[in-house]
Amino acid sequence: MPTLLSRRCKQLFVPVGLSLLLVSAFASAAGGLLDRSYRPLAGKAPVNLASAYGGDVVLVVNTASKCGYTPQFEALEALHARYKGRGFAVLGFPSGDFKAQEFEDEKQIQEFCTLTYGVKFPMFQKVHVVGADATPLYQDLSRVSGEAPRWNFHKYLIGRDGRLIASYGSKTTPDDPAVVAAIEKALEAPRAAAK
């Protein structure tokens, strides 16, 4: 006859087992974060992010041209230039979700980023990053991190394995020592044999 203790263990096992199953499924979904295609800013042919950046460490950022945080473009470009040779990329996604602080026209966005801040890191099509209209990449990033962008220049760091490492709010600058340390640590992970 089962004791009270063994019955309690069985009751605990079911939720714990279910939790482990959910965590495992969640982790599998996180591995495919970059399995999406987006047009380059003002471009026509979609780029599959997993094919182009799989195996790299990636910092995904929702950008805006008319925001108080817009000067972060400079530090983002510096990070990209500093680490791109080691398998790192900043991926910018313009969005007007927060008080419409982004131009409507993608060519205007591209011109602003290039001429004002010398942006050379990859910029992609203008997207929605919050709410029901959020693009699938941002839906997944929000779900996996438990944190949707609250403003422009929210940053998500993705490791070589395609899984989320960290999420940083707008106030955390790209050159913050914690961000730089996380990037450097992620870059130490071995690269996959082939992209």
N, C-alpha and C. Protein backbone atom coordinates (compact mmCIF):
# COMPACT_ATOMS: atom_id res chain seq x y z
N MET A 1 0.85 -1.18 0.00
CA MET A 1 0.00 0.00 0.00
C MET A 1 0.89 1.24 0.00
N PRO A 2 0.62 2.21 -0.94
CA PRO A 2 1.46 3.40 -1.03
C PRO A 2 1.37 4.26 0.22
N THR A 3 2.47 4.77 0.61
CA THR A 3 2.51 5.66 1.77
C THR A 3 2.13 7.07 1.32
N LEU A 4 1.86 7.90 2.29
CA LEU A 4 1.54 9.30 2.00
C LEU A 4 2.69 9.97 1.25
N LEU A 5 3.93 9.65 1.66
CA LEU A 5 5.11 10.24 1.03
C LEU A 5 5.21 9.83 -0.45
N SER A 6 4.99 8.54 -0.74
CA SER A 6 5.11 8.10 -2.14
C SER A 6 4.01 8.71 -3.01
N ARG A 7 2.80 8.89 -2.43
CA ARG A 7 1.73 9.55 -3.20
C ARG A 7 2.10 10.99 -3.51
N ARG A 8 2.67 11.67 -2.53
CA ARG A 8 3.09 13.06 -2.75
C ARG A 8 4.19 13.15 -3.81
N CYS A 9 5.12 12.19 -3.80
CA CYS A 9 6.18 12.19 -4.80
C CYS A 9 5.58 12.02 -6.20
N LYS A 10 4.59 11.14 -6.34
CA LYS A 10 3.95 10.95 -7.64
C LYS A 10 3.25 12.23 -8.08
N GLN A 11 2.59 12.91 -7.13
CA GLN A 11 1.90 14.16 -7.47
C GLN A 11 2.91 15.21 -7.93
N LEU A 12 4.07 15.25 -7.30
CA LEU A 12 5.10 16.22 -7.68
C LEU A 12 5.76 15.85 -9.00
N PHE A 13 5.90 14.54 -9.27
CA PHE A 13 6.60 14.11 -10.46
C PHE A 13 5.90 14.54 -11.74
N VAL A 14 4.59 14.46 -11.75
CA VAL A 14 3.86 14.81 -12.97
C VAL A 14 4.11 16.27 -13.36
N PRO A 15 3.92 17.25 -12.45
CA PRO A 15 4.21 18.62 -12.86
C PRO A 15 5.68 18.85 -13.20
N VAL A 16 6.59 18.26 -12.44
CA VAL A 16 8.00 18.45 -12.73
C VAL A 16 8.34 17.85 -14.09
N GLY A 17 7.85 16.64 -14.36
CA GLY A 17 8.08 16.00 -15.65
C GLY A 17 7.52 16.83 -16.78
N LEU A 18 6.32 17.37 -16.58
CA LEU A 18 5.70 18.22 -17.60
C LEU A 18 6.53 19.49 -17.80
N SER A 19 7.02 20.06 -16.69
CA SER A 19 7.85 21.27 -16.78
C SER A 19 9.11 21.00 -17.58
N LEU A 20 9.76 19.85 -17.32
CA LEU A 20 10.97 19.52 -18.05
C LEU A 20 10.68 19.33 -19.54
N LEU A 21 9.54 18.72 -19.84
CA LEU A 21 9.15 18.55 -21.24
C LEU A 21 8.93 19.89 -21.91
N LEU A 22 8.27 20.82 -21.21
CA LEU A 22 8.01 22.14 -21.77
C LEU A 22 9.31 22.92 -21.96
N VAL A 23 10.22 22.81 -20.99
CA VAL A 23 11.51 23.49 -21.11
C VAL A 23 12.27 22.94 -22.31
N SER A 24 12.25 21.61 -22.49
CA SER A 24 12.93 21.00 -23.61
C SER A 24 12.35 21.46 -24.94
N ALA A 25 11.02 21.49 -25.05
CA ALA A 25 10.37 21.95 -26.28
C ALA A 25 10.70 23.41 -26.53
N PHE A 26 10.71 24.20 -25.45
CA PHE A 26 11.02 25.62 -25.54
C PHE A 26 12.44 25.83 -26.05
N ALA A 27 13.38 25.02 -25.53
CA ALA A 27 14.77 25.13 -25.94
C ALA A 27 14.93 24.78 -27.42
N SER A 28 14.17 23.77 -27.87
CA SER A 28 14.24 23.40 -29.29
C SER A 28 13.76 24.54 -30.17
N ALA A 29 12.68 25.19 -29.74
CA ALA A 29 12.17 26.32 -30.51
C ALA A 29 13.20 27.44 -30.54
N ALA A 30 13.90 27.62 -29.42
CA ALA A 30 14.90 28.70 -29.35
C ALA A 30 16.04 28.46 -30.32
N GLY A 31 16.36 27.19 -30.61
CA GLY A 31 17.44 26.87 -31.53
C GLY A 31 17.18 27.37 -32.94
N GLY A 32 15.92 27.60 -33.29
CA GLY A 32 15.58 28.04 -34.63
C GLY A 32 15.27 29.51 -34.73
N LEU A 33 15.79 30.32 -33.84
CA LEU A 33 15.46 31.76 -33.84
C LEU A 33 15.80 32.44 -35.16
N LEU A 34 16.90 32.05 -35.76
CA LEU A 34 17.34 32.72 -36.98
C LEU A 34 16.76 32.09 -38.25
N ASP A 35 15.92 31.10 -38.11
CA ASP A 35 15.36 30.43 -39.29
C ASP A 35 14.21 31.24 -39.87
N ARG A 36 14.55 32.42 -40.35
CA ARG A 36 13.60 33.37 -40.93
C ARG A 36 14.27 34.10 -42.08
N SER A 37 13.47 34.61 -42.99
CA SER A 37 14.00 35.38 -44.11
C SER A 37 13.45 36.79 -44.10
N TYR A 38 14.33 37.77 -44.34
CA TYR A 38 13.95 39.17 -44.40
C TYR A 38 14.69 39.84 -45.55
N ARG A 39 14.06 40.82 -46.13
CA ARG A 39 14.72 41.61 -47.16
C ARG A 39 15.74 42.54 -46.51
N PRO A 40 16.86 42.76 -47.19
CA PRO A 40 17.76 43.82 -46.70
C PRO A 40 17.01 45.15 -46.81
N LEU A 41 17.37 46.11 -46.01
CA LEU A 41 16.73 47.42 -46.02
C LEU A 41 16.75 47.99 -47.44
N ALA A 42 15.59 48.35 -47.94
CA ALA A 42 15.40 48.90 -49.29
C ALA A 42 15.81 47.91 -50.39
N GLY A 43 15.95 46.63 -50.04
CA GLY A 43 16.31 45.61 -51.02
C GLY A 43 15.10 44.79 -51.44
N LYS A 44 15.34 43.83 -52.33
CA LYS A 44 14.24 43.03 -52.86
C LYS A 44 14.35 41.55 -52.53
N ALA A 45 15.54 40.98 -52.60
CA ALA A 45 15.70 39.54 -52.41
C ALA A 45 15.84 39.20 -50.93
N PRO A 46 14.94 38.37 -50.38
CA PRO A 46 15.04 38.00 -48.97
C PRO A 46 16.33 37.24 -48.65
N VAL A 47 16.81 37.44 -47.44
CA VAL A 47 18.00 36.76 -46.94
C VAL A 47 17.56 35.84 -45.80
N ASN A 48 17.94 34.56 -45.90
CA ASN A 48 17.65 33.65 -44.80
C ASN A 48 18.70 33.88 -43.73
N LEU A 49 18.27 34.31 -42.55
CA LEU A 49 19.21 34.66 -41.48
C LEU A 49 20.02 33.46 -41.02
N ALA A 50 19.39 32.28 -40.98
CA ALA A 50 20.10 31.08 -40.54
C ALA A 50 21.22 30.73 -41.52
N SER A 51 20.95 30.87 -42.81
CA SER A 51 21.98 30.58 -43.82
C SER A 51 23.10 31.61 -43.77
N ALA A 52 22.73 32.87 -43.62
CA ALA A 52 23.72 33.95 -43.65
C ALA A 52 24.50 34.10 -42.35
N TYR A 53 23.84 33.85 -41.20
CA TYR A 53 24.47 34.15 -39.91
C TYR A 53 24.48 32.97 -38.94
N GLY A 54 24.00 31.80 -39.38
CA GLY A 54 24.03 30.62 -38.52
C GLY A 54 25.47 30.30 -38.14
N GLY A 55 25.72 30.02 -36.88
CA GLY A 55 27.07 29.77 -36.40
C GLY A 55 27.78 31.02 -35.92
N ASP A 56 27.19 32.17 -36.18
CA ASP A 56 27.74 33.44 -35.69
C ASP A 56 27.07 33.83 -34.38
N VAL A 57 27.68 34.74 -33.68
CA VAL A 57 27.05 35.39 -32.53
C VAL A 57 26.38 36.62 -33.11
N VAL A 58 25.12 36.83 -32.76
CA VAL A 58 24.32 37.89 -33.38
C VAL A 58 23.66 38.75 -32.31
N LEU A 59 23.69 40.07 -32.54
CA LEU A 59 22.97 41.01 -31.69
C LEU A 59 21.84 41.59 -32.54
N VAL A 60 20.61 41.24 -32.21
CA VAL A 60 19.43 41.70 -32.95
C VAL A 60 18.89 42.93 -32.25
N VAL A 61 18.68 44.01 -33.02
CA VAL A 61 18.28 45.30 -32.43
C VAL A 61 17.14 45.92 -33.24
N ASN A 62 16.10 46.38 -32.55
CA ASN A 62 15.05 47.14 -33.23
C ASN A 62 15.45 48.62 -33.19
N THR A 63 15.60 49.21 -34.36
CA THR A 63 16.13 50.56 -34.47
C THR A 63 15.06 51.57 -34.86
N ALA A 64 15.39 52.83 -34.66
CA ALA A 64 14.52 53.94 -35.08
C ALA A 64 15.41 55.16 -35.31
N SER A 65 15.09 55.91 -36.35
CA SER A 65 15.93 57.05 -36.75
C SER A 65 15.65 58.34 -35.98
N LYS A 66 14.49 58.43 -35.33
CA LYS A 66 14.11 59.69 -34.68
C LYS A 66 13.85 59.48 -33.19
N CYS A 67 14.79 58.83 -32.51
CA CYS A 67 14.61 58.45 -31.11
C CYS A 67 15.77 59.00 -30.29
N GLY A 68 15.54 59.20 -29.02
CA GLY A 68 16.60 59.64 -28.13
C GLY A 68 17.75 58.64 -28.04
N TYR A 69 17.47 57.37 -28.35
CA TYR A 69 18.50 56.33 -28.31
C TYR A 69 19.19 56.13 -29.67
N THR A 70 18.78 56.90 -30.68
CA THR A 70 19.35 56.74 -32.02
C THR A 70 20.88 56.84 -32.05
N PRO A 71 21.52 57.66 -31.21
CA PRO A 71 23.00 57.68 -31.22
C PRO A 71 23.64 56.32 -30.91
N GLN A 72 22.86 55.34 -30.41
CA GLN A 72 23.42 54.00 -30.19
C GLN A 72 23.88 53.35 -31.49
N PHE A 73 23.42 53.87 -32.64
CA PHE A 73 23.90 53.36 -33.92
C PHE A 73 25.43 53.37 -33.96
N GLU A 74 26.02 54.42 -33.42
CA GLU A 74 27.48 54.56 -33.45
C GLU A 74 28.16 53.42 -32.70
N ALA A 75 27.68 53.10 -31.50
CA ALA A 75 28.27 52.01 -30.71
C ALA A 75 27.95 50.65 -31.34
N LEU A 76 26.78 50.51 -31.94
CA LEU A 76 26.44 49.25 -32.62
C LEU A 76 27.39 49.01 -33.79
N GLU A 77 27.64 50.05 -34.57
CA GLU A 77 28.57 49.93 -35.70
C GLU A 77 29.98 49.61 -35.22
N ALA A 78 30.39 50.24 -34.11
CA ALA A 78 31.73 49.97 -33.56
C ALA A 78 31.86 48.51 -33.12
N LEU A 79 30.82 47.98 -32.46
CA LEU A 79 30.82 46.58 -32.05
C LEU A 79 30.92 45.66 -33.26
N HIS A 80 30.09 45.96 -34.26
CA HIS A 80 30.08 45.13 -35.47
C HIS A 80 31.46 45.12 -36.13
N ALA A 81 32.06 46.29 -36.27
CA ALA A 81 33.38 46.39 -36.91
C ALA A 81 34.45 45.67 -36.07
N ARG A 82 34.36 45.78 -34.76
CA ARG A 82 35.37 45.20 -33.88
C ARG A 82 35.36 43.67 -33.90
N TYR A 83 34.17 43.06 -33.96
CA TYR A 83 34.07 41.62 -33.80
C TYR A 83 33.65 40.84 -35.04
N LYS A 84 33.35 41.51 -36.15
CA LYS A 84 32.83 40.78 -37.31
C LYS A 84 33.82 39.74 -37.83
N GLY A 85 35.08 40.00 -37.71
CA GLY A 85 36.10 39.04 -38.14
C GLY A 85 36.13 37.77 -37.31
N ARG A 86 35.51 37.81 -36.15
CA ARG A 86 35.47 36.64 -35.26
C ARG A 86 34.12 35.91 -35.33
N GLY A 87 33.26 36.33 -36.27
CA GLY A 87 31.96 35.66 -36.41
C GLY A 87 30.87 36.32 -35.60
N PHE A 88 30.82 37.64 -35.66
CA PHE A 88 29.80 38.41 -34.94
C PHE A 88 29.11 39.35 -35.92
N ALA A 89 27.83 39.56 -35.73
CA ALA A 89 27.10 40.53 -36.55
C ALA A 89 26.02 41.22 -35.73
N VAL A 90 25.86 42.50 -35.98
CA VAL A 90 24.70 43.24 -35.49
C VAL A 90 23.68 43.18 -36.62
N LEU A 91 22.44 42.85 -36.30
CA LEU A 91 21.35 42.83 -37.28
C LEU A 91 20.31 43.85 -36.86
N GLY A 92 20.13 44.90 -37.66
CA GLY A 92 19.19 45.95 -37.33
C GLY A 92 17.85 45.77 -38.02
N PHE A 93 16.77 45.98 -37.26
CA PHE A 93 15.42 45.89 -37.77
C PHE A 93 14.68 47.19 -37.44
N PRO A 94 14.58 48.11 -38.41
CA PRO A 94 13.87 49.36 -38.17
C PRO A 94 12.41 49.09 -37.84
N SER A 95 11.88 49.90 -36.92
CA SER A 95 10.48 49.76 -36.54
C SER A 95 9.92 51.11 -36.10
N GLY A 96 8.70 51.34 -36.46
CA GLY A 96 8.02 52.56 -36.04
C GLY A 96 6.98 52.28 -34.97
N ASP A 97 7.14 51.17 -34.26
CA ASP A 97 6.14 50.77 -33.26
C ASP A 97 6.04 51.71 -32.06
N PHE A 98 7.09 52.45 -31.79
CA PHE A 98 7.08 53.31 -30.60
C PHE A 98 7.02 54.77 -31.03
N LYS A 99 5.83 55.32 -30.96
CA LYS A 99 5.57 56.72 -31.32
C LYS A 99 6.03 57.08 -32.74
N ALA A 100 5.96 56.08 -33.63
CA ALA A 100 6.28 56.30 -35.06
C ALA A 100 7.61 57.05 -35.23
N GLN A 101 8.64 56.61 -34.52
CA GLN A 101 9.94 57.28 -34.56
C GLN A 101 10.85 56.76 -35.67
N GLU A 102 10.26 56.15 -36.68
CA GLU A 102 11.02 55.68 -37.82
C GLU A 102 10.37 56.20 -39.10
N PHE A 103 11.20 56.50 -40.10
CA PHE A 103 10.69 56.96 -41.39
C PHE A 103 9.84 55.86 -42.01
N GLU A 104 8.89 56.25 -42.83
CA GLU A 104 8.06 55.26 -43.56
C GLU A 104 8.86 54.62 -44.68
N ASP A 105 9.63 55.43 -45.40
CA ASP A 105 10.34 54.98 -46.59
C ASP A 105 11.66 54.32 -46.22
N GLU A 106 11.87 53.08 -46.67
CA GLU A 106 13.08 52.35 -46.33
C GLU A 106 14.34 52.99 -46.91
N LYS A 107 14.23 53.60 -48.07
CA LYS A 107 15.41 54.27 -48.65
C LYS A 107 15.83 55.45 -47.79
N GLN A 108 14.85 56.13 -47.21
CA GLN A 108 15.14 57.25 -46.32
C GLN A 108 15.82 56.75 -45.04
N ILE A 109 15.36 55.60 -44.53
CA ILE A 109 15.99 54.99 -43.35
C ILE A 109 17.44 54.64 -43.66
N GLN A 110 17.63 54.00 -44.80
CA GLN A 110 18.97 53.57 -45.22
C GLN A 110 19.91 54.77 -45.36
N GLU A 111 19.42 55.80 -45.99
CA GLU A 111 20.23 57.00 -46.19
C GLU A 111 20.59 57.65 -44.86
N PHE A 112 19.62 57.74 -43.96
CA PHE A 112 19.86 58.33 -42.65
C PHE A 112 20.93 57.54 -41.89
N CYS A 113 20.78 56.21 -41.82
CA CYS A 113 21.72 55.37 -41.07
C CYS A 113 23.13 55.46 -41.63
N THR A 114 23.22 55.45 -42.96
CA THR A 114 24.53 55.46 -43.61
C THR A 114 25.21 56.82 -43.49
N LEU A 115 24.47 57.88 -43.82
CA LEU A 115 25.08 59.21 -43.85
C LEU A 115 25.29 59.80 -42.46
N THR A 116 24.38 59.53 -41.54
CA THR A 116 24.48 60.14 -40.21
C THR A 116 25.40 59.36 -39.28
N TYR A 117 25.33 58.01 -39.35
CA TYR A 117 26.09 57.19 -38.39
C TYR A 117 27.08 56.23 -39.04
N GLY A 118 27.19 56.25 -40.35
CA GLY A 118 28.14 55.36 -41.02
C GLY A 118 27.84 53.90 -40.83
N VAL A 119 26.55 53.55 -40.72
CA VAL A 119 26.15 52.16 -40.46
C VAL A 119 26.52 51.27 -41.64
N LYS A 120 27.27 50.22 -41.33
CA LYS A 120 27.61 49.22 -42.33
C LYS A 120 27.10 47.84 -41.93
N PHE A 121 26.67 47.71 -40.67
CA PHE A 121 26.14 46.40 -40.26
C PHE A 121 24.82 46.15 -41.00
N PRO A 122 24.43 44.88 -41.16
CA PRO A 122 23.23 44.56 -41.92
C PRO A 122 21.96 45.15 -41.29
N MET A 123 21.22 45.84 -42.13
CA MET A 123 19.93 46.39 -41.74
C MET A 123 18.88 45.70 -42.63
N PHE A 124 17.76 45.37 -42.03
CA PHE A 124 16.72 44.65 -42.75
C PHE A 124 15.45 45.49 -42.85
N GLN A 125 14.48 44.93 -43.53
CA GLN A 125 13.22 45.62 -43.78
C GLN A 125 12.57 46.12 -42.50
N LYS A 126 11.79 47.16 -42.63
CA LYS A 126 11.05 47.73 -41.51
C LYS A 126 9.99 46.71 -41.07
N VAL A 127 9.93 46.46 -39.76
CA VAL A 127 9.03 45.44 -39.22
C VAL A 127 8.31 45.96 -37.97
N HIS A 128 7.31 45.20 -37.56
CA HIS A 128 6.69 45.41 -36.26
C HIS A 128 7.38 44.48 -35.27
N VAL A 129 7.66 44.99 -34.08
CA VAL A 129 8.38 44.19 -33.08
C VAL A 129 7.56 43.87 -31.84
N VAL A 130 6.38 44.47 -31.72
CA VAL A 130 5.51 44.20 -30.58
C VAL A 130 4.07 44.02 -31.05
N GLY A 131 3.28 43.40 -30.18
CA GLY A 131 1.86 43.25 -30.46
C GLY A 131 1.54 42.13 -31.44
N ALA A 132 0.29 42.08 -31.83
CA ALA A 132 -0.20 41.02 -32.70
C ALA A 132 0.46 41.03 -34.07
N ASP A 133 0.92 42.19 -34.52
CA ASP A 133 1.56 42.29 -35.84
C ASP A 133 3.06 42.08 -35.81
N ALA A 134 3.62 41.74 -34.65
CA ALA A 134 5.08 41.54 -34.56
C ALA A 134 5.52 40.46 -35.53
N THR A 135 6.65 40.68 -36.17
CA THR A 135 7.20 39.71 -37.10
C THR A 135 7.58 38.43 -36.33
N PRO A 136 7.55 37.27 -36.99
CA PRO A 136 7.83 36.01 -36.27
C PRO A 136 9.14 35.99 -35.49
N LEU A 137 10.20 36.61 -36.01
CA LEU A 137 11.46 36.66 -35.26
C LEU A 137 11.25 37.32 -33.90
N TYR A 138 10.56 38.44 -33.89
CA TYR A 138 10.35 39.16 -32.63
C TYR A 138 9.32 38.46 -31.74
N GLN A 139 8.38 37.76 -32.32
CA GLN A 139 7.46 36.96 -31.51
C GLN A 139 8.25 35.90 -30.75
N ASP A 140 9.16 35.23 -31.48
CA ASP A 140 9.97 34.19 -30.84
C ASP A 140 10.93 34.76 -29.80
N LEU A 141 11.59 35.87 -30.14
CA LEU A 141 12.51 36.49 -29.19
C LEU A 141 11.78 36.91 -27.91
N SER A 142 10.61 37.48 -28.07
CA SER A 142 9.82 37.90 -26.90
C SER A 142 9.40 36.71 -26.06
N ARG A 143 8.98 35.64 -26.73
CA ARG A 143 8.52 34.45 -26.00
C ARG A 143 9.69 33.79 -25.27
N VAL A 144 10.81 33.60 -25.94
CA VAL A 144 11.94 32.90 -25.34
C VAL A 144 12.55 33.71 -24.20
N SER A 145 12.64 35.03 -24.38
CA SER A 145 13.26 35.87 -23.34
C SER A 145 12.28 36.25 -22.24
N GLY A 146 10.97 36.16 -22.55
CA GLY A 146 9.96 36.62 -21.60
C GLY A 146 9.89 38.14 -21.56
N GLU A 147 10.48 38.77 -22.58
CA GLU A 147 10.58 40.23 -22.59
C GLU A 147 10.48 40.77 -24.02
N ALA A 148 9.37 41.44 -24.31
CA ALA A 148 9.22 42.12 -25.60
C ALA A 148 9.88 43.49 -25.50
N PRO A 149 10.32 44.04 -26.62
CA PRO A 149 10.88 45.39 -26.56
C PRO A 149 9.86 46.37 -25.97
N ARG A 150 10.33 47.24 -25.10
CA ARG A 150 9.46 48.28 -24.53
C ARG A 150 9.68 49.61 -25.23
N TRP A 151 10.77 49.65 -26.02
CA TRP A 151 11.10 50.87 -26.74
C TRP A 151 12.09 50.52 -27.84
N ASN A 152 12.53 51.50 -28.58
CA ASN A 152 13.52 51.31 -29.63
C ASN A 152 14.87 50.92 -29.02
N PHE A 153 15.67 50.22 -29.79
CA PHE A 153 17.03 49.81 -29.43
C PHE A 153 17.09 48.79 -28.29
N HIS A 154 16.07 47.90 -28.26
CA HIS A 154 16.15 46.73 -27.39
C HIS A 154 17.08 45.73 -28.09
N LYS A 155 17.91 45.04 -27.32
CA LYS A 155 18.93 44.17 -27.91
C LYS A 155 18.77 42.73 -27.42
N TYR A 156 18.85 41.79 -28.35
CA TYR A 156 18.83 40.36 -28.04
C TYR A 156 20.14 39.75 -28.54
N LEU A 157 20.86 39.08 -27.65
CA LEU A 157 22.11 38.43 -28.02
C LEU A 157 21.84 36.95 -28.24
N ILE A 158 22.20 36.47 -29.43
CA ILE A 158 21.98 35.07 -29.82
C ILE A 158 23.35 34.42 -30.03
N GLY A 159 23.53 33.23 -29.45
CA GLY A 159 24.80 32.53 -29.55
C GLY A 159 24.98 31.77 -30.85
N ARG A 160 26.14 31.18 -30.99
CA ARG A 160 26.48 30.42 -32.20
C ARG A 160 25.51 29.27 -32.45
N ASP A 161 24.91 28.75 -31.37
CA ASP A 161 23.97 27.64 -31.50
C ASP A 161 22.55 28.10 -31.85
N GLY A 162 22.37 29.39 -32.07
CA GLY A 162 21.05 29.91 -32.44
C GLY A 162 20.13 30.11 -31.27
N ARG A 163 20.64 30.02 -30.06
CA ARG A 163 19.81 30.18 -28.86
C ARG A 163 20.06 31.54 -28.21
N LEU A 164 19.03 32.05 -27.59
CA LEU A 164 19.12 33.33 -26.91
C LEU A 164 20.06 33.25 -25.72
N ILE A 165 20.96 34.22 -25.62
CA ILE A 165 21.87 34.31 -24.48
C ILE A 165 21.37 35.35 -23.49
N ALA A 166 20.98 36.52 -24.00
CA ALA A 166 20.58 37.62 -23.12
C ALA A 166 19.70 38.61 -23.86
N SER A 167 19.00 39.40 -23.06
CA SER A 167 18.13 40.46 -23.58
C SER A 167 18.46 41.73 -22.81
N TYR A 168 18.64 42.83 -23.54
CA TYR A 168 19.03 44.09 -22.91
C TYR A 168 18.06 45.18 -23.32
N GLY A 169 17.56 45.92 -22.36
CA GLY A 169 16.65 47.02 -22.64
C GLY A 169 17.34 48.19 -23.33
N SER A 170 16.55 49.14 -23.75
CA SER A 170 17.03 50.29 -24.52
C SER A 170 18.09 51.10 -23.79
N LYS A 171 17.97 51.21 -22.49
CA LYS A 171 18.92 52.03 -21.72
C LYS A 171 20.31 51.42 -21.64
N THR A 172 20.40 50.10 -21.86
CA THR A 172 21.70 49.44 -21.86
C THR A 172 22.36 49.70 -23.20
N THR A 173 23.47 50.42 -23.17
CA THR A 173 24.14 50.78 -24.42
C THR A 173 24.89 49.58 -24.99
N PRO A 174 25.10 49.56 -26.30
CA PRO A 174 25.81 48.44 -26.92
C PRO A 174 27.23 48.25 -26.40
N ASP A 175 27.86 49.33 -25.93
CA ASP A 175 29.23 49.22 -25.42
C ASP A 175 29.28 49.06 -23.89
N ASP A 176 28.14 48.77 -23.28
CA ASP A 176 28.10 48.50 -21.85
C ASP A 176 29.03 47.31 -21.57
N PRO A 177 29.83 47.37 -20.52
CA PRO A 177 30.77 46.27 -20.23
C PRO A 177 30.10 44.90 -20.13
N ALA A 178 28.87 44.84 -19.62
CA ALA A 178 28.17 43.56 -19.51
C ALA A 178 27.84 42.99 -20.89
N VAL A 179 27.45 43.86 -21.83
CA VAL A 179 27.13 43.42 -23.19
C VAL A 179 28.40 42.95 -23.88
N VAL A 180 29.46 43.73 -23.78
CA VAL A 180 30.73 43.37 -24.42
C VAL A 180 31.27 42.06 -23.86
N ALA A 181 31.19 41.88 -22.54
CA ALA A 181 31.66 40.64 -21.91
C ALA A 181 30.84 39.44 -22.40
N ALA A 182 29.54 39.61 -22.53
CA ALA A 182 28.68 38.51 -23.00
C ALA A 182 29.00 38.16 -24.45
N ILE A 183 29.26 39.16 -25.27
CA ILE A 183 29.63 38.91 -26.67
C ILE A 183 30.96 38.17 -26.73
N GLU A 184 31.95 38.64 -25.97
CA GLU A 184 33.26 38.00 -25.99
C GLU A 184 33.19 36.55 -25.51
N LYS A 185 32.39 36.32 -24.48
CA LYS A 185 32.23 34.95 -23.98
C LYS A 185 31.56 34.06 -25.04
N ALA A 186 30.53 34.60 -25.69
CA ALA A 186 29.82 33.83 -26.73
C ALA A 186 30.73 33.53 -27.91
N LEU A 187 31.64 34.44 -28.22
CA LEU A 187 32.56 34.24 -29.34
C LEU A 187 33.58 33.15 -29.06
N GLU A 188 33.77 32.81 -27.79
CA GLU A 188 34.71 31.73 -27.44
C GLU A 188 34.17 30.36 -27.80
N ALA A 189 32.85 30.24 -27.96
CA ALA A 189 32.25 28.97 -28.32
C ALA A 189 32.72 28.57 -29.71
N PRO A 190 32.98 27.28 -29.93
CA PRO A 190 33.45 26.86 -31.26
C PRO A 190 32.38 27.08 -32.32
N ARG A 191 32.84 27.46 -33.49
CA ARG A 191 31.95 27.62 -34.64
C ARG A 191 31.58 26.28 -35.21
N ALA A 192 30.38 26.18 -35.74
CA ALA A 192 29.98 24.95 -36.42
C ALA A 192 30.86 24.77 -37.66
N ALA A 193 31.03 23.52 -38.08
CA ALA A 193 31.91 23.21 -39.21
C ALA A 193 31.47 23.91 -40.50
N ALA A 194 30.17 23.97 -40.74
CA ALA A 194 29.68 24.61 -41.97
C ALA A 194 28.41 25.38 -41.69
N LYS A 195 28.24 26.47 -42.38
CA LYS A 195 27.02 27.27 -42.23
C LYS A 195 25.94 26.69 -43.09
